[in-house]
Amino acid sequence: SCLLWKKSHSLPQTVFPLCFTQKSASDYNNFDREFLSEKPKLSYSDKNLIESMDQSAFDGFSFINPKFEQILDK
């Protein structure tokens, strides 16, 4: 798919296409190798902060990842 980037300063009417090719759903060639080599980390979250926030946006949401549930129980 292509993204259209608009140059905002000297030529505001000019649009530059940026096209990526993807051979399959698991094709990661467009990602930086250094980024792909980093180990994923869970973000730290303060349970008290989360509980103090309005959670109504999640009303009716029924799925909780079992692995995440184990983390919450600690």
PDB file of N, CA and C in Angstrom:
ATOM      1  N   SER A   1       0.836  -1.182   0.000  1.00  0.00           N
ATOM      2  CA  SER A   1       0.000   0.000   0.000  1.00  0.00           C
ATOM      3  C   SER A   1       0.874   1.236   0.000  1.00  0.00           C
ATOM      4  N   CYS A   2       0.321   2.361  -0.383  1.00  0.00           N
ATOM      5  CA  CYS A   2       1.079   3.603  -0.481  1.00  0.00           C
ATOM      6  C   CYS A   2       0.551   4.637   0.501  1.00  0.00           C
ATOM      7  N   LEU A   3       1.453   5.394   1.051  1.00  0.00           N
ATOM      8  CA  LEU A   3       1.112   6.541   1.876  1.00  0.00           C
ATOM      9  C   LEU A   3       1.459   7.785   1.084  1.00  0.00           C
ATOM     10  N   LEU A   4       0.642   8.798   1.202  1.00  0.00           N
ATOM     11  CA  LEU A   4       0.952  10.052   0.526  1.00  0.00           C
ATOM     12  C   LEU A   4       1.438  11.059   1.553  1.00  0.00           C
ATOM     13  N   TRP A   5       2.651  11.530   1.365  1.00  0.00           N
ATOM     14  CA  TRP A   5       3.257  12.489   2.273  1.00  0.00           C
ATOM     15  C   TRP A   5       3.224  13.853   1.607  1.00  0.00           C
ATOM     16  N   LYS A   6       2.708  14.816   2.300  1.00  0.00           N
ATOM     17  CA  LYS A   6       2.638  16.181   1.779  1.00  0.00           C
ATOM     18  C   LYS A   6       3.808  16.979   2.339  1.00  0.00           C
ATOM     19  N   LYS A   7       4.570  17.596   1.451  1.00  0.00           N
ATOM     20  CA  LYS A   7       5.673  18.450   1.895  1.00  0.00           C
ATOM     21  C   LYS A   7       5.064  19.759   2.361  1.00  0.00           C
ATOM     22  N   SER A   8       5.288  20.128   3.602  1.00  0.00           N
ATOM     23  CA  SER A   8       4.537  21.226   4.196  1.00  0.00           C
ATOM     24  C   SER A   8       5.193  22.602   4.093  1.00  0.00           C
ATOM     25  N   HIS A   9       6.466  22.691   3.812  1.00  0.00           N
ATOM     26  CA  HIS A   9       7.125  23.993   3.879  1.00  0.00           C
ATOM     27  C   HIS A   9       7.214  24.683   2.513  1.00  0.00           C
ATOM     28  N   SER A  10       8.176  24.329   1.714  1.00  0.00           N
ATOM     29  CA  SER A  10       8.435  25.101   0.497  1.00  0.00           C
ATOM     30  C   SER A  10       7.467  24.789  -0.646  1.00  0.00           C
ATOM     31  N   LEU A  11       6.996  23.563  -0.754  1.00  0.00           N
ATOM     32  CA  LEU A  11       6.095  23.194  -1.848  1.00  0.00           C
ATOM     33  C   LEU A  11       4.840  22.529  -1.294  1.00  0.00           C
ATOM     34  N   PRO A  12       3.923  23.298  -0.717  1.00  0.00           N
ATOM     35  CA  PRO A  12       2.769  22.702  -0.039  1.00  0.00           C
ATOM     36  C   PRO A  12       1.831  21.910  -0.956  1.00  0.00           C
ATOM     37  N   GLN A  13       1.900  22.129  -2.270  1.00  0.00           N
ATOM     38  CA  GLN A  13       1.016  21.416  -3.189  1.00  0.00           C
ATOM     39  C   GLN A  13       1.598  20.077  -3.656  1.00  0.00           C
ATOM     40  N   THR A  14       2.861  19.831  -3.380  1.00  0.00           N
ATOM     41  CA  THR A  14       3.519  18.625  -3.853  1.00  0.00           C
ATOM     42  C   THR A  14       3.238  17.451  -2.920  1.00  0.00           C
ATOM     43  N   VAL A  15       2.879  16.309  -3.512  1.00  0.00           N
ATOM     44  CA  VAL A  15       2.621  15.091  -2.743  1.00  0.00           C
ATOM     45  C   VAL A  15       3.625  14.031  -3.176  1.00  0.00           C
ATOM     46  N   PHE A  16       4.264  13.409  -2.198  1.00  0.00           N
ATOM     47  CA  PHE A  16       5.262  12.388  -2.475  1.00  0.00           C
ATOM     48  C   PHE A  16       4.722  11.021  -2.064  1.00  0.00           C
ATOM     49  N   PRO A  17       4.590  10.069  -2.999  1.00  0.00           N
ATOM     50  CA  PRO A  17       4.105   8.738  -2.609  1.00  0.00           C
ATOM     51  C   PRO A  17       5.216   7.919  -1.946  1.00  0.00           C
ATOM     52  N   LEU A  18       4.861   7.190  -0.940  1.00  0.00           N
ATOM     53  CA  LEU A  18       5.781   6.296  -0.253  1.00  0.00           C
ATOM     54  C   LEU A  18       5.123   4.913  -0.283  1.00  0.00           C
ATOM     55  N   CYS A  19       5.675   4.008  -1.067  1.00  0.00           N
ATOM     56  CA  CYS A  19       5.037   2.705  -1.268  1.00  0.00           C
ATOM     57  C   CYS A  19       5.825   1.599  -0.579  1.00  0.00           C
ATOM     58  N   PHE A  20       5.109   0.736   0.100  1.00  0.00           N
ATOM     59  CA  PHE A  20       5.697  -0.422   0.757  1.00  0.00           C
ATOM     60  C   PHE A  20       5.198  -1.682   0.060  1.00  0.00           C
ATOM     61  N   THR A  21       6.060  -2.658  -0.045  1.00  0.00           N
ATOM     62  CA  THR A  21       5.630  -3.944  -0.583  1.00  0.00           C
ATOM     63  C   THR A  21       5.628  -4.957   0.550  1.00  0.00           C
ATOM     64  N   GLN A  22       4.640  -5.800   0.550  1.00  0.00           N
ATOM     65  CA  GLN A  22       4.524  -6.834   1.572  1.00  0.00           C
ATOM     66  C   GLN A  22       4.149  -8.119   0.865  1.00  0.00           C
ATOM     67  N   LYS A  23       5.009  -9.135   1.004  1.00  0.00           N
ATOM     68  CA  LYS A  23       4.790 -10.402   0.309  1.00  0.00           C
ATOM     69  C   LYS A  23       3.794 -11.297   1.019  1.00  0.00           C
ATOM     70  N   SER A  24       3.706 -11.171   2.341  1.00  0.00           N
ATOM     71  CA  SER A  24       2.774 -11.989   3.126  1.00  0.00           C
ATOM     72  C   SER A  24       2.506 -11.283   4.446  1.00  0.00           C
ATOM     73  N   ALA A  25       1.600 -11.838   5.243  1.00  0.00           N
ATOM     74  CA  ALA A  25       1.271 -11.248   6.546  1.00  0.00           C
ATOM     75  C   ALA A  25       2.462 -11.275   7.497  1.00  0.00           C
ATOM     76  N   SER A  26       3.401 -12.184   7.279  1.00  0.00           N
ATOM     77  CA  SER A  26       4.570 -12.284   8.161  1.00  0.00           C
ATOM     78  C   SER A  26       5.824 -11.662   7.538  1.00  0.00           C
ATOM     79  N   ASP A  27       5.665 -10.836   6.508  1.00  0.00           N
ATOM     80  CA  ASP A  27       6.790 -10.162   5.866  1.00  0.00           C
ATOM     81  C   ASP A  27       7.119  -8.887   6.641  1.00  0.00           C
ATOM     82  N   TYR A  28       8.272  -8.862   7.282  1.00  0.00           N
ATOM     83  CA  TYR A  28       8.682  -7.734   8.119  1.00  0.00           C
ATOM     84  C   TYR A  28       9.823  -6.935   7.500  1.00  0.00           C
ATOM     85  N   ASN A  29      10.003  -7.016   6.197  1.00  0.00           N
ATOM     86  CA  ASN A  29      11.127  -6.351   5.538  1.00  0.00           C
ATOM     87  C   ASN A  29      11.096  -4.832   5.650  1.00  0.00           C
ATOM     88  N   ASN A  30       9.939  -4.247   5.905  1.00  0.00           N
ATOM     89  CA  ASN A  30       9.838  -2.792   5.994  1.00  0.00           C
ATOM     90  C   ASN A  30      10.159  -2.259   7.389  1.00  0.00           C
ATOM     91  N   PHE A  31      10.458  -3.153   8.323  1.00  0.00           N
ATOM     92  CA  PHE A  31      10.805  -2.741   9.681  1.00  0.00           C
ATOM     93  C   PHE A  31      12.310  -2.741   9.864  1.00  0.00           C
ATOM     94  N   ASP A  32      12.784  -1.803  10.648  1.00  0.00           N
ATOM     95  CA  ASP A  32      14.192  -1.688  10.956  1.00  0.00           C
ATOM     96  C   ASP A  32      14.677  -2.939  11.693  1.00  0.00           C
ATOM     97  N   ARG A  33      15.825  -3.478  11.288  1.00  0.00           N
ATOM     98  CA  ARG A  33      16.364  -4.702  11.906  1.00  0.00           C
ATOM     99  C   ARG A  33      16.643  -4.512  13.401  1.00  0.00           C
ATOM    100  N   GLU A  34      17.114  -3.340  13.779  1.00  0.00           N
ATOM    101  CA  GLU A  34      17.389  -3.085  15.193  1.00  0.00           C
ATOM    102  C   GLU A  34      16.085  -3.146  16.000  1.00  0.00           C
ATOM    103  N   PHE A  35      15.023  -2.566  15.454  1.00  0.00           N
ATOM    104  CA  PHE A  35      13.719  -2.613  16.114  1.00  0.00           C
ATOM    105  C   PHE A  35      13.248  -4.058  16.268  1.00  0.00           C
ATOM    106  N   LEU A  36      13.408  -4.855  15.233  1.00  0.00           N
ATOM    107  CA  LEU A  36      12.954  -6.246  15.280  1.00  0.00           C
ATOM    108  C   LEU A  36      13.777  -7.101  16.244  1.00  0.00           C
ATOM    109  N   SER A  37      15.005  -6.691  16.528  1.00  0.00           N
ATOM    110  CA  SER A  37      15.857  -7.494  17.418  1.00  0.00           C
ATOM    111  C   SER A  37      15.610  -7.193  18.893  1.00  0.00           C
ATOM    112  N   GLU A  38      14.859  -6.119  19.188  1.00  0.00           N
ATOM    113  CA  GLU A  38      14.581  -5.783  20.586  1.00  0.00           C
ATOM    114  C   GLU A  38      13.584  -6.762  21.188  1.00  0.00           C
ATOM    115  N   LYS A  39      13.811  -7.110  22.448  1.00  0.00           N
ATOM    116  CA  LYS A  39      12.888  -7.992  23.152  1.00  0.00           C
ATOM    117  C   LYS A  39      11.687  -7.181  23.619  1.00  0.00           C
ATOM    118  N   PRO A  40      10.485  -7.731  23.441  1.00  0.00           N
ATOM    119  CA  PRO A  40       9.300  -6.996  23.895  1.00  0.00           C
ATOM    120  C   PRO A  40       9.236  -6.944  25.416  1.00  0.00           C
ATOM    121  N   LYS A  41       8.727  -5.825  25.955  1.00  0.00           N
ATOM    122  CA  LYS A  41       8.564  -5.673  27.391  1.00  0.00           C
ATOM    123  C   LYS A  41       7.155  -5.170  27.676  1.00  0.00           C
ATOM    124  N   LEU A  42       6.568  -5.682  28.736  1.00  0.00           N
ATOM    125  CA  LEU A  42       5.287  -5.153  29.174  1.00  0.00           C
ATOM    126  C   LEU A  42       5.514  -3.786  29.804  1.00  0.00           C
ATOM    127  N   SER A  43       4.622  -2.884  29.518  1.00  0.00           N
ATOM    128  CA  SER A  43       4.702  -1.560  30.141  1.00  0.00           C
ATOM    129  C   SER A  43       4.306  -1.682  31.604  1.00  0.00           C
ATOM    130  N   TYR A  44       4.959  -0.902  32.443  1.00  0.00           N
ATOM    131  CA  TYR A  44       4.606  -0.873  33.853  1.00  0.00           C
ATOM    132  C   TYR A  44       3.274  -0.145  33.991  1.00  0.00           C
ATOM    133  N   SER A  45       2.405  -0.687  34.788  1.00  0.00           N
ATOM    134  CA  SER A  45       1.145   0.013  35.050  1.00  0.00           C
ATOM    135  C   SER A  45       0.873  -0.002  36.547  1.00  0.00           C
ATOM    136  N   ASP A  46       0.424   1.109  37.037  1.00  0.00           N
ATOM    137  CA  ASP A  46       0.084   1.268  38.438  1.00  0.00           C
ATOM    138  C   ASP A  46      -1.367   0.840  38.629  1.00  0.00           C
ATOM    139  N   LYS A  47      -1.586  -0.258  39.325  1.00  0.00           N
ATOM    140  CA  LYS A  47      -2.928  -0.791  39.512  1.00  0.00           C
ATOM    141  C   LYS A  47      -3.868   0.240  40.139  1.00  0.00           C
ATOM    142  N   ASN A  48      -3.392   1.004  41.120  1.00  0.00           N
ATOM    143  CA  ASN A  48      -4.221   2.035  41.754  1.00  0.00           C
ATOM    144  C   ASN A  48      -4.623   3.127  40.760  1.00  0.00           C
ATOM    145  N   LEU A  49      -3.691   3.512  39.906  1.00  0.00           N
ATOM    146  CA  LEU A  49      -3.991   4.529  38.901  1.00  0.00           C
ATOM    147  C   LEU A  49      -5.059   4.020  37.937  1.00  0.00           C
ATOM    148  N   ILE A  50      -4.902   2.798  37.464  1.00  0.00           N
ATOM    149  CA  ILE A  50      -5.874   2.223  36.528  1.00  0.00           C
ATOM    150  C   ILE A  50      -7.246   2.130  37.179  1.00  0.00           C
ATOM    151  N   GLU A  51      -7.289   1.685  38.429  1.00  0.00           N
ATOM    152  CA  GLU A  51      -8.574   1.560  39.120  1.00  0.00           C
ATOM    153  C   GLU A  51      -9.226   2.921  39.371  1.00  0.00           C
ATOM    154  N   SER A  52      -8.431   3.984  39.446  1.00  0.00           N
ATOM    155  CA  SER A  52      -8.996   5.312  39.679  1.00  0.00           C
ATOM    156  C   SER A  52      -9.546   5.950  38.402  1.00  0.00           C
ATOM    157  N   MET A  53      -9.242   5.385  37.249  1.00  0.00           N
ATOM    158  CA  MET A  53      -9.687   5.938  35.972  1.00  0.00           C
ATOM    159  C   MET A  53     -11.056   5.374  35.583  1.00  0.00           C
ATOM    160  N   ASP A  54     -11.782   6.140  34.795  1.00  0.00           N
ATOM    161  CA  ASP A  54     -13.094   5.707  34.306  1.00  0.00           C
ATOM    162  C   ASP A  54     -12.914   4.524  33.363  1.00  0.00           C
ATOM    163  N   GLN A  55     -13.471   3.399  33.724  1.00  0.00           N
ATOM    164  CA  GLN A  55     -13.329   2.180  32.929  1.00  0.00           C
ATOM    165  C   GLN A  55     -14.580   1.874  32.100  1.00  0.00           C
ATOM    166  N   SER A  56     -15.510   2.824  32.001  1.00  0.00           N
ATOM    167  CA  SER A  56     -16.771   2.575  31.300  1.00  0.00           C
ATOM    168  C   SER A  56     -16.579   2.265  29.816  1.00  0.00           C
ATOM    169  N   ALA A  57     -15.470   2.698  29.235  1.00  0.00           N
ATOM    170  CA  ALA A  57     -15.196   2.385  27.825  1.00  0.00           C
ATOM    171  C   ALA A  57     -15.049   0.882  27.614  1.00  0.00           C
ATOM    172  N   PHE A  58     -14.805   0.157  28.686  1.00  0.00           N
ATOM    173  CA  PHE A  58     -14.600  -1.285  28.584  1.00  0.00           C
ATOM    174  C   PHE A  58     -15.821  -2.085  29.012  1.00  0.00           C
ATOM    175  N   ASP A  59     -16.941  -1.407  29.264  1.00  0.00           N
ATOM    176  CA  ASP A  59     -18.180  -2.116  29.627  1.00  0.00           C
ATOM    177  C   ASP A  59     -18.535  -3.126  28.544  1.00  0.00           C
ATOM    178  N   GLY A  60     -18.836  -4.331  28.957  1.00  0.00           N
ATOM    179  CA  GLY A  60     -19.205  -5.383  28.019  1.00  0.00           C
ATOM    180  C   GLY A  60     -18.022  -6.112  27.415  1.00  0.00           C
ATOM    181  N   PHE A  61     -16.819  -5.672  27.718  1.00  0.00           N
ATOM    182  CA  PHE A  61     -15.623  -6.338  27.209  1.00  0.00           C
ATOM    183  C   PHE A  61     -15.388  -7.560  28.078  1.00  0.00           C
ATOM    184  N   SER A  62     -15.402  -8.740  27.473  1.00  0.00           N
ATOM    185  CA  SER A  62     -15.409  -9.960  28.274  1.00  0.00           C
ATOM    186  C   SER A  62     -14.104 -10.752  28.252  1.00  0.00           C
ATOM    187  N   PHE A  63     -13.156 -10.407  27.396  1.00  0.00           N
ATOM    188  CA  PHE A  63     -11.943 -11.213  27.300  1.00  0.00           C
ATOM    189  C   PHE A  63     -10.824 -10.631  28.145  1.00  0.00           C
ATOM    190  N   ILE A  64     -10.197 -11.476  28.923  1.00  0.00           N
ATOM    191  CA  ILE A  64      -8.975 -11.125  29.643  1.00  0.00           C
ATOM    192  C   ILE A  64      -7.960 -12.214  29.329  1.00  0.00           C
ATOM    193  N   ASN A  65      -6.814 -11.814  28.853  1.00  0.00           N
ATOM    194  CA  ASN A  65      -5.745 -12.748  28.544  1.00  0.00           C
ATOM    195  C   ASN A  65      -5.369 -13.481  29.839  1.00  0.00           C
ATOM    196  N   PRO A  66      -5.425 -14.811  29.850  1.00  0.00           N
ATOM    197  CA  PRO A  66      -5.118 -15.566  31.074  1.00  0.00           C
ATOM    198  C   PRO A  66      -3.725 -15.252  31.639  1.00  0.00           C
ATOM    199  N   LYS A  67      -2.746 -15.009  30.771  1.00  0.00           N
ATOM    200  CA  LYS A  67      -1.397 -14.691  31.261  1.00  0.00           C
ATOM    201  C   LYS A  67      -1.404 -13.334  31.957  1.00  0.00           C
ATOM    202  N   PHE A  68      -2.167 -12.384  31.431  1.00  0.00           N
ATOM    203  CA  PHE A  68      -2.248 -11.066  32.051  1.00  0.00           C
ATOM    204  C   PHE A  68      -2.983 -11.156  33.380  1.00  0.00           C
ATOM    205  N   GLU A  69      -4.005 -12.006  33.429  1.00  0.00           N
ATOM    206  CA  GLU A  69      -4.762 -12.196  34.666  1.00  0.00           C
ATOM    207  C   GLU A  69      -3.836 -12.709  35.781  1.00  0.00           C
ATOM    208  N   GLN A  70      -2.902 -13.581  35.441  1.00  0.00           N
ATOM    209  CA  GLN A  70      -1.941 -14.099  36.433  1.00  0.00           C
ATOM    210  C   GLN A  70      -1.047 -12.972  36.954  1.00  0.00           C
ATOM    211  N   ILE A  71      -0.692 -12.038  36.076  1.00  0.00           N
ATOM    212  CA  ILE A  71       0.147 -10.900  36.489  1.00  0.00           C
ATOM    213  C   ILE A  71      -0.628 -10.014  37.447  1.00  0.00           C
ATOM    214  N   LEU A  72      -1.916  -9.782  37.163  1.00  0.00           N
ATOM    215  CA  LEU A  72      -2.746  -8.926  38.011  1.00  0.00           C
ATOM    216  C   LEU A  72      -2.932  -9.523  39.402  1.00  0.00           C
ATOM    217  N   ASP A  73      -2.965 -10.858  39.485  1.00  0.00           N
ATOM    218  CA  ASP A  73      -3.193 -11.516  40.758  1.00  0.00           C
ATOM    219  C   ASP A  73      -1.984 -11.427  41.690  1.00  0.00           C
ATOM    220  N   LYS A  74      -0.826 -11.078  41.156  1.00  0.00           N
ATOM    221  CA  LYS A  74       0.398 -11.032  41.971  1.00  0.00           C
ATOM    222  C   LYS A  74       0.386  -9.869  42.917  1.00  0.00           C
TER     223      LYS A  74
END
